């Protein structure tokens, strides 16, 4: 089976967790490969983490900036979702599969 490139299925730039955090301007504490005490500078409020299988979506409740794991269930209609499986996609060496969204103006952080 020939794998497609994950970047080809989204207009958003694929990033690592750290790249998303830095792109969104969020403050955090690094503990090995974990990121803790994540806050958004818009109001120094803690971001909200959610997900069905773990942390798949992180969002500032004040300004709406967010980051999403493309391998999480993605809502496609009001009553359904789709899931991309990592085994079916070619990724770069850094294993980038997160996207960052600037919610303040509805602007995507694009490729």
C-alpha atoms as a PDB file:
ATOM      1  CA  UNK A   1       0.000   0.000   0.000  1.00  0.00           C
ATOM      2  CA  UNK A   2       1.345   3.419  -0.969  1.00  0.00           C
ATOM      3  CA  UNK A   3       0.912   5.941   1.801  1.00  0.00           C
ATOM      4  CA  UNK A   4      -0.253   9.465   1.036  1.00  0.00           C
ATOM      5  CA  UNK A   5       1.421  12.483   2.592  1.00  0.00           C
ATOM      6  CA  UNK A   6      -0.521  13.758   5.599  1.00  0.00           C
ATOM      7  CA  UNK A   7       0.263  17.367   4.643  1.00  0.00           C
ATOM      8  CA  UNK A   8      -1.723  16.836   1.412  1.00  0.00           C
ATOM      9  CA  UNK A   9      -5.042  16.446   3.247  1.00  0.00           C
ATOM     10  CA  UNK A  10      -4.990  19.794   5.047  1.00  0.00           C
ATOM     11  CA  UNK A  11      -4.430  23.475   4.254  1.00  0.00           C
ATOM     12  CA  UNK A  12      -2.967  23.921   7.725  1.00  0.00           C
ATOM     13  CA  UNK A  13       0.744  23.635   8.414  1.00  0.00           C
ATOM     14  CA  UNK A  14       1.537  20.382  10.248  1.00  0.00           C
ATOM     15  CA  UNK A  15       3.492  20.902  13.448  1.00  0.00           C
ATOM     16  CA  UNK A  16       4.762  19.161  16.549  1.00  0.00           C
ATOM     17  CA  UNK A  17       3.119  19.964  19.893  1.00  0.00           C
ATOM     18  CA  UNK A  18       5.963  22.342  20.792  1.00  0.00           C
ATOM     19  CA  UNK A  19       5.761  24.114  17.431  1.00  0.00           C
ATOM     20  CA  UNK A  20       2.016  24.675  17.927  1.00  0.00           C
ATOM     21  CA  UNK A  21       2.508  26.004  21.465  1.00  0.00           C
ATOM     22  CA  UNK A  22       5.210  28.406  20.274  1.00  0.00           C
ATOM     23  CA  UNK A  23       3.271  29.497  17.163  1.00  0.00           C
ATOM     24  CA  UNK A  24       0.217  30.332  19.278  1.00  0.00           C
ATOM     25  CA  UNK A  25       2.409  32.279  21.723  1.00  0.00           C
ATOM     26  CA  UNK A  26       1.330  30.166  24.689  1.00  0.00           C
ATOM     27  CA  UNK A  27       3.477  29.994  27.813  1.00  0.00           C
ATOM     28  CA  UNK A  28       4.296  26.571  29.268  1.00  0.00           C
ATOM     29  CA  UNK A  29       6.648  24.573  31.445  1.00  0.00           C
ATOM     30  CA  UNK A  30       8.546  21.693  29.831  1.00  0.00           C
ATOM     31  CA  UNK A  31       9.010  18.485  31.801  1.00  0.00           C
ATOM     32  CA  UNK A  32      10.858  16.007  29.536  1.00  0.00           C
ATOM     33  CA  UNK A  33       8.478  15.552  26.579  1.00  0.00           C
ATOM     34  CA  UNK A  34       5.480  16.832  28.553  1.00  0.00           C
ATOM     35  CA  UNK A  35       4.105  20.375  28.555  1.00  0.00           C
ATOM     36  CA  UNK A  36       2.451  21.666  31.717  1.00  0.00           C
ATOM     37  CA  UNK A  37       0.822  24.818  33.070  1.00  0.00           C
ATOM     38  CA  UNK A  38      -0.039  26.042  29.562  1.00  0.00           C
ATOM     39  CA  UNK A  39      -1.476  29.549  29.549  1.00  0.00           C
ATOM     40  CA  UNK A  40      -2.469  32.010  26.846  1.00  0.00           C
ATOM     41  CA  UNK A  41      -1.046  35.525  27.163  1.00  0.00           C
ATOM     42  CA  UNK A  42      -4.381  37.080  26.128  1.00  0.00           C
ATOM     43  CA  UNK A  43      -5.530  36.895  29.736  1.00  0.00           C
ATOM     44  CA  UNK A  44      -3.017  34.583  31.478  1.00  0.00           C
ATOM     45  CA  UNK A  45      -5.753  31.974  31.638  1.00  0.00           C
ATOM     46  CA  UNK A  46      -5.060  28.232  31.487  1.00  0.00           C
ATOM     47  CA  UNK A  47      -5.940  26.574  28.202  1.00  0.00           C
ATOM     48  CA  UNK A  48      -8.550  23.792  28.139  1.00  0.00           C
ATOM     49  CA  UNK A  49      -7.529  20.301  27.023  1.00  0.00           C
ATOM     50  CA  UNK A  50     -10.059  17.806  25.694  1.00  0.00           C
ATOM     51  CA  UNK A  51     -10.312  14.658  23.668  1.00  0.00           C
ATOM     52  CA  UNK A  52     -11.918  11.278  23.354  1.00  0.00           C
ATOM     53  CA  UNK A  53      -8.700   9.206  23.413  1.00  0.00           C
ATOM     54  CA  UNK A  54      -6.518  11.621  25.402  1.00  0.00           C
ATOM     55  CA  UNK A  55      -5.515  15.212  24.735  1.00  0.00           C
ATOM     56  CA  UNK A  56      -6.534  15.827  21.134  1.00  0.00           C
ATOM     57  CA  UNK A  57      -7.674  19.436  21.257  1.00  0.00           C
ATOM     58  CA  UNK A  58      -6.290  22.349  23.267  1.00  0.00           C
ATOM     59  CA  UNK A  59      -8.025  25.745  23.269  1.00  0.00           C
ATOM     60  CA  UNK A  60      -7.914  29.107  25.003  1.00  0.00           C
ATOM     61  CA  UNK A  61     -11.407  29.740  26.410  1.00  0.00           C
ATOM     62  CA  UNK A  62     -10.909  33.507  26.091  1.00  0.00           C
ATOM     63  CA  UNK A  63      -9.551  34.169  22.584  1.00  0.00           C
ATOM     64  CA  UNK A  64     -10.281  30.856  20.869  1.00  0.00           C
ATOM     65  CA  UNK A  65      -6.744  30.061  19.713  1.00  0.00           C
ATOM     66  CA  UNK A  66      -6.430  26.287  19.503  1.00  0.00           C
ATOM     67  CA  UNK A  67      -4.428  23.296  18.382  1.00  0.00           C
ATOM     68  CA  UNK A  68      -5.788  19.951  17.196  1.00  0.00           C
ATOM     69  CA  UNK A  69      -4.275  16.535  16.609  1.00  0.00           C
ATOM     70  CA  UNK A  70      -5.238  15.377  13.093  1.00  0.00           C
ATOM     71  CA  UNK A  71      -5.408  11.805  14.376  1.00  0.00           C
ATOM     72  CA  UNK A  72      -8.292  12.651  16.692  1.00  0.00           C
ATOM     73  CA  UNK A  73     -11.941  12.222  15.669  1.00  0.00           C
ATOM     74  CA  UNK A  74     -12.725  15.208  13.437  1.00  0.00           C
ATOM     75  CA  UNK A  75     -16.330  16.413  13.232  1.00  0.00           C
ATOM     76  CA  UNK A  76     -17.556  16.551   9.631  1.00  0.00           C
ATOM     77  CA  UNK A  77     -21.275  17.160  10.254  1.00  0.00           C
ATOM     78  CA  UNK A  78     -23.378  17.845  13.326  1.00  0.00           C
ATOM     79  CA  UNK A  79     -23.822  14.103  13.899  1.00  0.00           C
ATOM     80  CA  UNK A  80     -20.736  12.409  12.487  1.00  0.00           C
ATOM     81  CA  UNK A  81     -16.965  12.414  12.578  1.00  0.00           C
ATOM     82  CA  UNK A  82     -14.071  10.873  10.711  1.00  0.00           C
ATOM     83  CA  UNK A  83     -10.730   9.546  11.908  1.00  0.00           C
ATOM     84  CA  UNK A  84      -7.391   9.494  10.121  1.00  0.00           C
ATOM     85  CA  UNK A  85      -5.173   6.551  11.066  1.00  0.00           C
ATOM     86  CA  UNK A  86      -1.443   7.219  11.490  1.00  0.00           C
ATOM     87  CA  UNK A  87      -0.544   3.903   9.854  1.00  0.00           C
ATOM     88  CA  UNK A  88      -2.107   5.079   6.586  1.00  0.00           C
ATOM     89  CA  UNK A  89      -0.104   8.304   6.202  1.00  0.00           C
ATOM     90  CA  UNK A  90       3.455   9.262   5.428  1.00  0.00           C
ATOM     91  CA  UNK A  91       4.833  11.783   7.923  1.00  0.00           C
ATOM     92  CA  UNK A  92       8.133  13.607   8.251  1.00  0.00           C
ATOM     93  CA  UNK A  93      10.871  12.580  10.672  1.00  0.00           C
ATOM     94  CA  UNK A  94       9.555  14.981  13.337  1.00  0.00           C
ATOM     95  CA  UNK A  95       6.185  13.180  13.349  1.00  0.00           C
ATOM     96  CA  UNK A  96       4.185  16.364  12.788  1.00  0.00           C
ATOM     97  CA  UNK A  97       0.412  15.838  13.016  1.00  0.00           C
ATOM     98  CA  UNK A  98      -0.904  18.856  14.960  1.00  0.00           C
ATOM     99  CA  UNK A  99      -2.377  22.054  13.503  1.00  0.00           C
ATOM    100  CA  UNK A 100      -2.660  25.501  15.131  1.00  0.00           C
ATOM    101  CA  UNK A 101      -5.637  27.806  14.603  1.00  0.00           C
ATOM    102  CA  UNK A 102      -5.701  31.499  15.479  1.00  0.00           C
ATOM    103  CA  UNK A 103      -9.244  31.828  16.808  1.00  0.00           C
ATOM    104  CA  UNK A 104      -9.070  35.575  17.375  1.00  0.00           C
ATOM    105  CA  UNK A 105      -9.880  36.352  13.761  1.00  0.00           C
ATOM    106  CA  UNK A 106     -10.768  32.953  12.400  1.00  0.00           C
ATOM    107  CA  UNK A 107      -7.432  32.870  10.570  1.00  0.00           C
ATOM    108  CA  UNK A 108      -5.834  29.524   9.823  1.00  0.00           C
ATOM    109  CA  UNK A 109      -2.121  29.168  10.267  1.00  0.00           C
ATOM    110  CA  UNK A 110      -1.502  27.818   6.764  1.00  0.00           C
ATOM    111  CA  UNK A 111       1.266  26.012   4.923  1.00  0.00           C
END
